[in-house]
Amino acid sequence: MMHRMPLRDRTLSAFGRNVAKLRSDRGFSQDRLAEKSDLDRTYVSGIERGVRNPGIKTVLKIAKALNASLDDLCKGVSA
């Protein structure tokens, strides 16, 4: 029997793409965003890949670190 990777959640994937784009637009590495938001780099990577489901406090930390609004982070994201 072949094991399949679970499909990534579209909501988390869209959120992660927004984080990655905003991070890149600001010239931040994942390490730099992790440092500014007081998160582990591997956790930031998981968010960007859509495999982590960050809580509201984490989302707010990321928004602050990126100097972005929640609207910016959630653009095109649907539940």
C-alpha atoms as a PDB file:
ATOM      1  CA  MET A   1       0.000   0.000   0.000  1.00  0.00           C
ATOM      2  CA  MET A   2       1.353   3.386  -0.988  1.00  0.00           C
ATOM      3  CA  HIS A   3       1.118   6.155   1.611  1.00  0.00           C
ATOM      4  CA  ARG A   4       0.149   9.551   0.303  1.00  0.00           C
ATOM      5  CA  MET A   5       1.078  12.860   1.769  1.00  0.00           C
ATOM      6  CA  PRO A   6      -2.067  14.576   3.058  1.00  0.00           C
ATOM      7  CA  LEU A   7      -3.381  17.331   0.831  1.00  0.00           C
ATOM      8  CA  ARG A   8      -2.409  20.724   2.088  1.00  0.00           C
ATOM      9  CA  ASP A   9      -5.213  22.831   3.415  1.00  0.00           C
ATOM     10  CA  ARG A  10      -6.047  25.561   0.887  1.00  0.00           C
ATOM     11  CA  THR A  11      -6.616  28.122   3.616  1.00  0.00           C
ATOM     12  CA  LEU A  12      -3.236  27.468   5.234  1.00  0.00           C
ATOM     13  CA  SER A  13      -1.501  27.344   1.854  1.00  0.00           C
ATOM     14  CA  ALA A  14      -2.950  30.722   0.817  1.00  0.00           C
ATOM     15  CA  PHE A  15      -1.986  32.263   4.169  1.00  0.00           C
ATOM     16  CA  GLY A  16       1.516  30.811   3.876  1.00  0.00           C
ATOM     17  CA  ARG A  17       1.971  32.202   0.362  1.00  0.00           C
ATOM     18  CA  ASN A  18       1.004  35.654   1.648  1.00  0.00           C
ATOM     19  CA  VAL A  19       3.517  35.427   4.499  1.00  0.00           C
ATOM     20  CA  ALA A  20       6.250  34.289   2.103  1.00  0.00           C
ATOM     21  CA  LYS A  21       5.490  37.056  -0.403  1.00  0.00           C
ATOM     22  CA  LEU A  22       5.394  39.810   2.225  1.00  0.00           C
ATOM     23  CA  ARG A  23       8.605  38.472   3.783  1.00  0.00           C
ATOM     24  CA  SER A  24      10.307  38.426   0.400  1.00  0.00           C
ATOM     25  CA  ASP A  25       8.993  41.888  -0.496  1.00  0.00           C
ATOM     26  CA  ARG A  26      10.636  43.212   2.665  1.00  0.00           C
ATOM     27  CA  GLY A  27      13.917  41.473   1.914  1.00  0.00           C
ATOM     28  CA  PHE A  28      13.716  39.221   4.982  1.00  0.00           C
ATOM     29  CA  SER A  29      15.070  35.713   5.159  1.00  0.00           C
ATOM     30  CA  GLN A  30      13.018  33.151   7.077  1.00  0.00           C
ATOM     31  CA  ASP A  31      15.641  33.483   9.819  1.00  0.00           C
ATOM     32  CA  ARG A  32      15.107  37.242   9.996  1.00  0.00           C
ATOM     33  CA  LEU A  33      11.314  36.922  10.137  1.00  0.00           C
ATOM     34  CA  ALA A  34      11.622  34.238  12.798  1.00  0.00           C
ATOM     35  CA  GLU A  35      13.887  36.474  14.860  1.00  0.00           C
ATOM     36  CA  LYS A  36      11.634  39.533  14.508  1.00  0.00           C
ATOM     37  CA  SER A  37       8.500  37.561  15.379  1.00  0.00           C
ATOM     38  CA  ASP A  38      10.100  35.482  18.161  1.00  0.00           C
ATOM     39  CA  LEU A  39       9.363  32.198  16.379  1.00  0.00           C
ATOM     40  CA  ASP A  40      11.503  29.264  15.330  1.00  0.00           C
ATOM     41  CA  ARG A  41      12.649  29.350  11.701  1.00  0.00           C
ATOM     42  CA  THR A  42      11.309  25.855  11.094  1.00  0.00           C
ATOM     43  CA  TYR A  43       7.901  27.011  12.334  1.00  0.00           C
ATOM     44  CA  VAL A  44       7.977  29.988   9.937  1.00  0.00           C
ATOM     45  CA  SER A  45       8.902  27.557   7.154  1.00  0.00           C
ATOM     46  CA  GLY A  46       5.944  25.347   8.069  1.00  0.00           C
ATOM     47  CA  ILE A  47       3.591  28.330   7.982  1.00  0.00           C
ATOM     48  CA  GLU A  48       4.869  29.366   4.560  1.00  0.00           C
ATOM     49  CA  ARG A  49       4.483  25.811   3.240  1.00  0.00           C
ATOM     50  CA  GLY A  50       0.912  25.599   4.558  1.00  0.00           C
ATOM     51  CA  VAL A  51       1.582  22.725   6.942  1.00  0.00           C
ATOM     52  CA  ARG A  52       1.275  24.733  10.164  1.00  0.00           C
ATOM     53  CA  ASN A  53      -1.913  26.298  11.502  1.00  0.00           C
ATOM     54  CA  PRO A  54      -0.739  29.322  13.502  1.00  0.00           C
ATOM     55  CA  GLY A  55      -2.860  30.708  16.303  1.00  0.00           C
ATOM     56  CA  ILE A  56      -4.023  34.320  16.414  1.00  0.00           C
ATOM     57  CA  LYS A  57      -1.143  35.413  18.688  1.00  0.00           C
ATOM     58  CA  THR A  58       1.355  34.005  16.203  1.00  0.00           C
ATOM     59  CA  VAL A  59      -0.441  35.665  13.279  1.00  0.00           C
ATOM     60  CA  LEU A  60      -0.283  38.989  15.134  1.00  0.00           C
ATOM     61  CA  LYS A  61       3.457  38.525  15.814  1.00  0.00           C
ATOM     62  CA  ILE A  62       4.058  37.886  12.122  1.00  0.00           C
ATOM     63  CA  ALA A  63       1.959  40.897  11.097  1.00  0.00           C
ATOM     64  CA  LYS A  64       3.918  43.138  13.467  1.00  0.00           C
ATOM     65  CA  ALA A  65       7.283  41.756  12.319  1.00  0.00           C
ATOM     66  CA  LEU A  66       6.332  42.355   8.678  1.00  0.00           C
ATOM     67  CA  ASN A  67       4.683  45.717   9.406  1.00  0.00           C
ATOM     68  CA  ALA A  68       1.648  44.297   7.610  1.00  0.00           C
ATOM     69  CA  SER A  69      -2.076  44.331   8.313  1.00  0.00           C
ATOM     70  CA  LEU A  70      -4.132  41.236   8.952  1.00  0.00           C
ATOM     71  CA  ASP A  71      -5.854  42.088   5.657  1.00  0.00           C
ATOM     72  CA  ASP A  72      -2.466  41.812   3.917  1.00  0.00           C
ATOM     73  CA  LEU A  73      -1.800  38.431   5.501  1.00  0.00           C
ATOM     74  CA  CYS A  74      -5.298  37.106   4.747  1.00  0.00           C
ATOM     75  CA  LYS A  75      -5.694  38.397   1.172  1.00  0.00           C
ATOM     76  CA  GLY A  76      -7.369  35.674  -0.890  1.00  0.00           C
ATOM     77  CA  VAL A  77      -7.654  33.358   2.106  1.00  0.00           C
ATOM     78  CA  SER A  78     -11.023  31.677   2.568  1.00  0.00           C
ATOM     79  CA  ALA A  79     -12.151  29.231   5.193  1.00  0.00           C
END
